Amino acid sequence: MLLRNISRVLYSPKYLFWTNTATGVLFFGTGDLMVQKFIDKRSKIDTNRNVNSCIAGIYMGSISHFWYGFLDRIFPGTNRKMIIKKLLSEAIIGPPFAASLFIVVGKLAQ
């Protein structure tokens, strides 16, 4: 019950941007830690790399918040036709967002 109430508050319109941004940070940061530990098999975590990953998470979390909000406004509803339109928009316009992420991460790594 408590978790449901917390979730309801975090995903309310008032806090949704911050929740989405924090989720991006959490996923990117945790993902980088897992790669460093289990794939790269590093004994010492590269904190600079992890901070850069978290910054990329801020970028993607906030951009995604506005992007998906935009899609929901121009294609309202959850019927099959609207979902297909959202997916097509994502497939056509999504790659430039992904490319911008690589540019941001590349700049951070310099």
Protein backbone atom coordinates (compact mmCIF):
# COMPACT_ATOMS: atom_id res chain seq x y z
CA MET A 1 0.00 0.00 0.00
CA LEU A 2 2.81 2.43 0.91
CA LEU A 3 4.70 1.63 -2.30
CA ARG A 4 1.55 2.23 -4.34
CA ASN A 5 1.06 5.64 -2.70
CA ILE A 6 4.70 6.60 -3.28
CA SER A 7 4.44 5.49 -6.90
CA ARG A 8 1.23 7.47 -7.36
CA VAL A 9 2.97 10.62 -6.12
CA LEU A 10 6.18 10.10 -8.11
CA TYR A 11 4.30 9.47 -11.36
CA SER A 12 1.84 12.31 -10.85
CA PRO A 13 2.07 15.21 -13.34
CA LYS A 14 3.72 17.36 -10.66
CA TYR A 15 6.76 15.06 -10.29
CA LEU A 16 6.77 13.08 -13.55
CA PHE A 17 9.64 15.00 -15.17
CA TRP A 18 11.86 14.51 -12.13
CA THR A 19 10.87 10.85 -11.81
CA ASN A 20 11.67 10.20 -15.49
CA THR A 21 14.99 12.03 -15.20
CA ALA A 22 15.94 10.16 -12.02
CA THR A 23 14.98 6.88 -13.69
CA GLY A 24 17.31 7.71 -16.59
CA VAL A 25 20.15 8.41 -14.16
CA LEU A 26 19.46 5.21 -12.23
CA PHE A 27 19.34 3.01 -15.34
CA PHE A 28 22.37 4.54 -17.06
CA GLY A 29 24.44 4.64 -13.86
CA THR A 30 23.53 1.12 -12.77
CA GLY A 31 24.02 -0.19 -16.29
CA ASP A 32 27.51 1.28 -16.44
CA LEU A 33 28.41 -0.18 -13.03
CA MET A 34 27.25 -3.62 -14.18
CA VAL A 35 29.27 -3.38 -17.40
CA GLN A 36 32.38 -2.30 -15.52
CA LYS A 37 32.03 -5.08 -12.94
CA PHE A 38 30.76 -8.04 -14.97
CA ILE A 39 31.79 -7.43 -18.58
CA ASP A 40 34.95 -5.33 -18.30
CA LYS A 41 35.78 -7.23 -15.07
CA ARG A 42 37.34 -4.16 -13.48
CA SER A 43 38.53 -4.49 -9.92
CA LYS A 44 38.19 -0.73 -9.40
CA ILE A 45 35.17 1.23 -10.66
CA ASP A 46 35.95 4.15 -12.99
CA THR A 47 33.91 6.82 -11.19
CA ASN A 48 34.48 9.43 -13.89
CA ARG A 49 33.00 7.09 -16.48
CA ASN A 50 30.06 6.35 -14.18
CA VAL A 51 29.38 10.05 -13.58
CA ASN A 52 29.43 10.59 -17.34
CA SER A 53 26.94 7.74 -17.74
CA CYS A 54 24.69 9.35 -15.14
CA ILE A 55 24.89 12.67 -17.02
CA ALA A 56 23.85 10.83 -20.18
CA GLY A 57 20.95 9.42 -18.13
CA ILE A 58 19.90 12.95 -17.17
CA TYR A 59 19.95 13.89 -20.84
CA MET A 60 18.00 10.87 -22.08
CA GLY A 61 15.55 10.83 -19.17
CA SER A 62 14.59 14.46 -19.67
CA ILE A 63 14.49 14.30 -23.49
CA SER A 64 12.41 11.12 -23.37
CA HIS A 65 9.97 12.74 -20.93
CA PHE A 66 9.17 15.50 -23.42
CA TRP A 67 9.27 13.23 -26.47
CA TYR A 68 6.76 10.71 -25.13
CA GLY A 69 4.56 13.50 -23.76
CA PHE A 70 4.57 15.01 -27.25
CA LEU A 71 3.62 11.68 -28.82
CA ASP A 72 0.78 11.25 -26.32
CA ARG A 73 -0.56 14.71 -27.21
CA ILE A 74 -0.48 14.29 -30.99
CA PHE A 75 -1.58 10.64 -30.94
CA PRO A 76 -3.98 10.37 -27.98
CA GLY A 77 -5.35 7.02 -26.94
CA THR A 78 -4.14 3.46 -26.78
CA ASN A 79 -6.00 1.85 -29.65
CA ARG A 80 -4.11 -0.09 -32.30
CA LYS A 81 -4.05 2.79 -34.81
CA MET A 82 -2.57 5.26 -32.30
CA ILE A 83 0.01 2.76 -31.07
CA ILE A 84 1.14 2.11 -34.66
CA LYS A 85 1.45 5.87 -35.26
CA LYS A 86 3.52 6.26 -32.09
CA LEU A 87 5.77 3.34 -33.05
CA LEU A 88 6.28 4.69 -36.58
CA SER A 89 7.10 8.13 -35.19
CA GLU A 90 9.57 6.54 -32.82
CA ALA A 91 11.19 4.56 -35.64
CA ILE A 92 11.48 7.59 -37.92
CA ILE A 93 12.39 10.35 -35.48
CA GLY A 94 14.01 8.30 -32.71
CA PRO A 95 17.39 7.70 -34.39
CA PRO A 96 18.41 11.40 -34.30
CA PHE A 97 17.75 11.36 -30.54
CA ALA A 98 19.95 8.29 -30.22
CA ALA A 99 22.65 9.96 -32.31
CA SER A 100 22.50 13.02 -30.06
CA LEU A 101 23.09 10.76 -27.07
CA PHE A 102 26.28 9.42 -28.64
CA ILE A 103 27.43 12.99 -29.29
CA VAL A 104 26.81 13.95 -25.65
CA VAL A 105 28.57 10.85 -24.32
CA GLY A 106 31.47 11.42 -26.73
CA LYS A 107 31.88 14.99 -25.54
CA LEU A 108 31.81 13.87 -21.91
CA ALA A 109 34.52 11.29 -22.58
CA GLN A 110 36.94 13.90 -23.96
